[in-house]
Amino acid sequence: MSDIATAATREGRWLSLGPASRLLDVDPDTLRRWADEGRVEAWTTPGGHRRFDRRALERLATDRRRGSGRPLASMGASPEHLNRVYRRHYAADAAAEVVAGARSHAPDDDVDREAYRQDGRRLITALIDFLDADAADAPTRERLEGDARSIVDDQAVRLAAAGISLTDAVSRFVAARQPFLAELSGLGRRRSLDPTRLAELYGDASAILDRLLLRFIATHQSPAAATLAAPDKG
């Protein structure tokens, strides 16, 4: 051990696995995994025991406590970032379809693709604002969910008017929710969010997406959408 490490140990700067995990209020196995992943500073003694920097752990503990109230954008889940995630996701899907020869239509036949993308960007922003809103602030959450419902209505009517079946439309909606939920899960791992906070965040996101899916189905099946989808017999 170096003179610096020896002095730091005497000062109580370096903690063993047990005290370090208690400081963060996590299981020792969790802290060991974080160290292996490079998310927590640590070094190993000649005897093979881990030592953790108390100061770094205290900063992490503070960040984790604050994480319950930090906006998603400040933790990396901004609308801009999620839009980039979606662009990569859909570009990969399109490439896979071309390689497999599975595209059922030419790109020019897509249903008003730019309008659909614009709706998607607006929906992502509404969802993030909803998740960031205080759960106790029911009026704000209801307003934001109303914004999301309006966007979903537009999407459902557009797809119905283009003759997209309910089965295909629902498949699109379900496929579109996966990158959003996956990004939230990844955010929790990258930011070491408290498991309770992450579970609440994921649960809220899943719940509003489920409600929006039911709204999407009802709107797609509505008489107004059916009228738009009917062929012009004039």
Protein backbone atom coordinates (compact mmCIF):
# COMPACT_ATOMS: atom_id res chain seq x y z
CA MET A 1 0.00 0.00 0.00
CA SER A 2 1.32 3.47 -0.84
CA ASP A 3 2.04 6.10 1.81
CA ILE A 4 -0.95 8.11 0.53
CA ALA A 5 -3.30 5.11 0.78
CA THR A 6 -1.98 4.29 4.25
CA ALA A 7 -2.60 7.86 5.43
CA ALA A 8 -6.07 7.89 3.86
CA THR A 9 -6.93 4.62 5.60
CA ARG A 10 -5.85 6.04 8.95
CA GLU A 11 -8.04 9.08 8.32
CA GLY A 12 -11.02 6.83 7.66
CA ARG A 13 -11.28 7.85 4.03
CA TRP A 14 -11.25 4.31 2.65
CA LEU A 15 -14.07 1.98 3.73
CA SER A 16 -14.34 -1.78 3.46
CA LEU A 17 -17.30 -3.38 1.67
CA GLY A 18 -19.57 -3.68 4.71
CA PRO A 19 -19.36 -0.08 5.98
CA ALA A 20 -19.44 1.25 2.41
CA SER A 21 -22.62 -0.65 1.55
CA ARG A 22 -24.26 0.53 4.79
CA LEU A 23 -23.37 4.14 3.97
CA LEU A 24 -25.20 3.81 0.64
CA ASP A 25 -27.96 1.61 2.11
CA VAL A 26 -27.47 -1.05 -0.57
CA ASP A 27 -26.68 -4.74 -0.48
CA PRO A 28 -22.92 -5.54 -0.49
CA ASP A 29 -23.38 -7.56 -3.68
CA THR A 30 -24.90 -4.48 -5.35
CA LEU A 31 -21.96 -2.31 -4.33
CA ARG A 32 -19.51 -5.00 -5.48
CA ARG A 33 -21.22 -5.05 -8.89
CA TRP A 34 -21.13 -1.24 -9.13
CA ALA A 35 -17.41 -1.35 -8.43
CA ASP A 36 -16.90 -4.01 -11.12
CA GLU A 37 -18.81 -1.80 -13.58
CA GLY A 38 -16.69 1.23 -12.69
CA ARG A 39 -19.61 3.19 -11.28
CA VAL A 40 -18.02 3.47 -7.83
CA GLU A 41 -14.37 4.26 -7.12
CA ALA A 42 -12.56 1.39 -5.37
CA TRP A 43 -9.18 -0.28 -5.08
CA THR A 44 -8.12 -3.73 -3.92
CA THR A 45 -5.66 -4.43 -1.12
CA PRO A 46 -2.83 -6.96 -1.58
CA GLY A 47 -5.04 -9.38 0.37
CA GLY A 48 -7.85 -9.02 -2.18
CA HIS A 49 -10.20 -6.81 -0.13
CA ARG A 50 -12.00 -3.86 -1.70
CA ARG A 51 -11.68 -0.37 -0.33
CA PHE A 52 -14.08 2.43 -1.24
CA ASP A 53 -13.53 6.18 -1.15
CA ARG A 54 -15.77 7.56 1.61
CA ARG A 55 -16.00 10.98 -0.03
CA ALA A 56 -17.14 9.52 -3.36
CA LEU A 57 -19.71 7.37 -1.57
CA GLU A 58 -21.05 10.34 0.36
CA ARG A 59 -21.48 12.27 -2.90
CA LEU A 60 -23.24 9.28 -4.46
CA ALA A 61 -25.51 8.89 -1.43
CA THR A 62 -26.45 12.57 -1.70
CA ASP A 63 -27.15 12.25 -5.42
CA ARG A 64 -29.31 9.19 -4.84
CA ARG A 65 -31.36 10.99 -2.19
CA ARG A 66 -31.80 13.98 -4.48
CA GLY A 67 -32.62 11.71 -7.40
CA SER A 68 -36.17 11.26 -6.16
CA GLY A 69 -36.89 14.89 -7.01
CA ARG A 70 -34.54 15.56 -9.90
CA PRO A 71 -36.10 16.20 -13.32
CA LEU A 72 -35.61 13.35 -15.77
CA ALA A 73 -33.88 15.67 -18.23
CA SER A 74 -31.18 16.46 -15.67
CA MET A 75 -30.50 12.72 -15.36
CA GLY A 76 -30.17 12.19 -19.10
CA ALA A 77 -33.76 11.44 -20.15
CA SER A 78 -34.46 14.68 -22.00
CA PRO A 79 -36.94 14.77 -24.92
CA GLU A 80 -33.98 15.42 -27.25
CA HIS A 81 -32.13 12.34 -26.01
CA LEU A 82 -35.21 10.12 -26.27
CA ASN A 83 -35.93 11.38 -29.76
CA ARG A 84 -32.40 10.33 -30.76
CA VAL A 85 -33.05 6.92 -29.21
CA TYR A 86 -36.20 6.58 -31.31
CA ARG A 87 -34.47 7.67 -34.51
CA ARG A 88 -31.84 4.98 -34.00
CA HIS A 89 -34.52 2.42 -33.11
CA TYR A 90 -36.63 3.05 -36.20
CA ALA A 91 -33.62 3.31 -38.49
CA ALA A 92 -32.47 -0.12 -37.26
CA ASP A 93 -35.95 -1.58 -37.77
CA ALA A 94 -36.19 -0.19 -41.29
CA ALA A 95 -32.77 -1.57 -42.20
CA ALA A 96 -33.71 -4.99 -40.83
CA GLU A 97 -36.91 -5.01 -42.88
CA VAL A 98 -35.04 -4.13 -46.06
CA VAL A 99 -32.41 -6.82 -45.48
CA ALA A 100 -35.11 -9.40 -44.77
CA GLY A 101 -37.22 -8.27 -47.72
CA ALA A 102 -40.09 -7.78 -45.31
CA ARG A 103 -41.19 -4.25 -46.14
CA SER A 104 -44.80 -4.44 -47.16
CA HIS A 105 -44.83 -1.02 -48.76
CA ALA A 106 -42.55 1.61 -50.20
CA PRO A 107 -41.34 4.44 -47.97
CA ASP A 108 -43.53 6.89 -49.91
CA ASP A 109 -46.62 4.90 -48.85
CA ASP A 110 -46.00 5.44 -45.13
CA VAL A 111 -48.86 7.13 -43.31
CA ASP A 112 -47.90 10.80 -43.21
CA ARG A 113 -44.57 9.84 -41.66
CA GLU A 114 -43.45 13.34 -40.76
CA ALA A 115 -46.73 14.12 -39.00
CA TYR A 116 -46.47 10.84 -37.14
CA ARG A 117 -42.92 11.66 -36.04
CA GLN A 118 -43.98 15.11 -34.92
CA ASP A 119 -46.73 13.52 -32.84
CA GLY A 120 -44.17 11.13 -31.39
CA ARG A 121 -41.89 13.98 -30.34
CA ARG A 122 -44.80 15.82 -28.73
CA LEU A 123 -45.90 12.66 -26.93
CA ILE A 124 -42.41 12.04 -25.52
CA THR A 125 -42.34 15.59 -24.14
CA ALA A 126 -45.80 15.18 -22.59
CA LEU A 127 -44.82 11.87 -20.99
CA ILE A 128 -41.62 13.27 -19.47
CA ASP A 129 -43.46 16.32 -18.14
CA PHE A 130 -46.10 14.00 -16.65
CA LEU A 131 -43.49 11.82 -14.92
CA ASP A 132 -41.65 14.89 -13.61
CA ALA A 133 -44.83 16.40 -12.17
CA ASP A 134 -45.44 15.97 -8.45
CA ALA A 135 -47.65 12.91 -7.94
CA ALA A 136 -49.66 14.93 -5.41
CA ASP A 137 -50.37 17.64 -8.01
CA ALA A 138 -53.38 15.95 -9.57
CA PRO A 139 -54.56 18.93 -11.70
CA THR A 140 -51.16 19.29 -13.39
CA ARG A 141 -50.89 15.57 -14.05
CA GLU A 142 -54.41 15.45 -15.44
CA ARG A 143 -53.66 18.36 -17.77
CA LEU A 144 -50.48 16.73 -19.03
CA GLU A 145 -52.21 13.39 -19.51
CA GLY A 146 -54.92 15.24 -21.41
CA ASP A 147 -52.23 16.60 -23.75
CA ALA A 148 -50.98 13.05 -24.29
CA ARG A 149 -54.51 11.77 -24.96
CA SER A 150 -55.01 14.46 -27.60
CA ILE A 151 -51.82 13.40 -29.38
CA VAL A 152 -52.81 9.74 -29.23
CA ASP A 153 -56.24 10.60 -30.64
CA ASP A 154 -54.59 12.31 -33.62
CA GLN A 155 -52.40 9.26 -34.23
CA ALA A 156 -55.29 6.81 -34.02
CA VAL A 157 -57.49 8.82 -36.38
CA ARG A 158 -54.64 9.24 -38.87
CA LEU A 159 -53.93 5.51 -38.94
CA ALA A 160 -57.61 4.59 -39.20
CA ALA A 161 -58.11 7.08 -42.02
CA ALA A 162 -55.21 5.48 -43.90
CA GLY A 163 -56.85 2.07 -43.65
CA ILE A 164 -54.41 0.65 -41.09
CA SER A 165 -56.18 -2.16 -39.23
CA LEU A 166 -56.63 -2.02 -35.47
CA THR A 167 -54.29 -4.99 -35.06
CA ASP A 168 -51.50 -3.29 -37.02
CA ALA A 169 -52.12 0.04 -35.32
CA VAL A 170 -51.92 -1.50 -31.85
CA SER A 171 -48.76 -3.35 -32.85
CA ARG A 172 -47.18 -0.02 -33.78
CA PHE A 173 -48.21 1.54 -30.48
CA VAL A 174 -46.91 -1.37 -28.41
CA ALA A 175 -43.62 -1.43 -30.32
CA ALA A 176 -43.23 2.33 -29.80
CA ARG A 177 -43.56 2.11 -26.01
CA GLN A 178 -40.70 -0.36 -25.59
CA PRO A 179 -37.77 2.04 -26.23
CA PHE A 180 -39.28 4.54 -23.79
CA LEU A 181 -39.58 2.01 -20.95
CA ALA A 182 -36.18 0.52 -21.76
CA GLU A 183 -34.59 3.96 -21.56
CA LEU A 184 -36.14 4.55 -18.12
CA SER A 185 -34.76 1.22 -16.90
CA GLY A 186 -31.33 2.08 -18.29
CA LEU A 187 -31.49 5.48 -16.63
CA GLY A 188 -32.06 3.82 -13.27
CA ARG A 189 -29.02 1.61 -13.71
CA ARG A 190 -26.74 4.37 -14.99
CA ARG A 191 -27.73 6.83 -12.28
CA SER A 192 -27.93 4.25 -9.48
CA LEU A 193 -31.42 5.44 -8.60
CA ASP A 194 -32.97 4.21 -5.41
CA PRO A 195 -34.89 0.99 -6.30
CA THR A 196 -38.08 2.40 -4.80
CA ARG A 197 -37.82 5.56 -6.91
CA LEU A 198 -37.08 3.55 -10.04
CA ALA A 199 -40.03 1.22 -9.40
CA GLU A 200 -42.35 4.21 -8.94
CA LEU A 201 -41.05 5.87 -12.09
CA TYR A 202 -41.39 2.70 -14.18
CA GLY A 203 -44.82 1.97 -12.70
CA ASP A 204 -46.10 5.48 -13.47
CA ALA A 205 -44.77 5.26 -17.03
CA SER A 206 -46.31 1.83 -17.63
CA ALA A 207 -49.63 2.92 -16.16
CA ILE A 208 -50.02 6.04 -18.30
CA LEU A 209 -48.94 4.14 -21.42
CA ASP A 210 -51.57 1.47 -20.66
CA ARG A 211 -54.23 4.17 -20.31
CA LEU A 212 -53.11 5.78 -23.54
CA LEU A 213 -53.23 2.43 -25.33
CA LEU A 214 -56.86 1.95 -24.27
CA ARG A 215 -57.59 5.46 -25.48
CA PHE A 216 -55.81 4.74 -28.77
CA ILE A 217 -57.93 1.61 -29.33
CA ALA A 218 -61.19 3.39 -28.50
CA THR A 219 -60.40 6.29 -30.84
CA HIS A 220 -59.34 4.00 -33.69
CA GLN A 221 -62.69 2.20 -33.37
CA SER A 222 -64.74 5.38 -33.01
CA PRO A 223 -67.41 6.28 -35.60
CA ALA A 224 -65.48 9.42 -36.54
CA ALA A 225 -62.37 7.44 -37.39
CA ALA A 226 -64.45 4.84 -39.26
CA THR A 227 -66.03 7.58 -41.35
CA LEU A 228 -62.62 8.91 -42.34
CA ALA A 229 -61.45 5.42 -43.22
CA ALA A 230 -64.48 4.65 -45.42
CA PRO A 231 -63.82 4.88 -49.19
CA ASP A 232 -65.30 7.85 -51.00
CA LYS A 233 -68.28 6.56 -52.97
CA GLY A 234 -69.03 9.88 -54.54
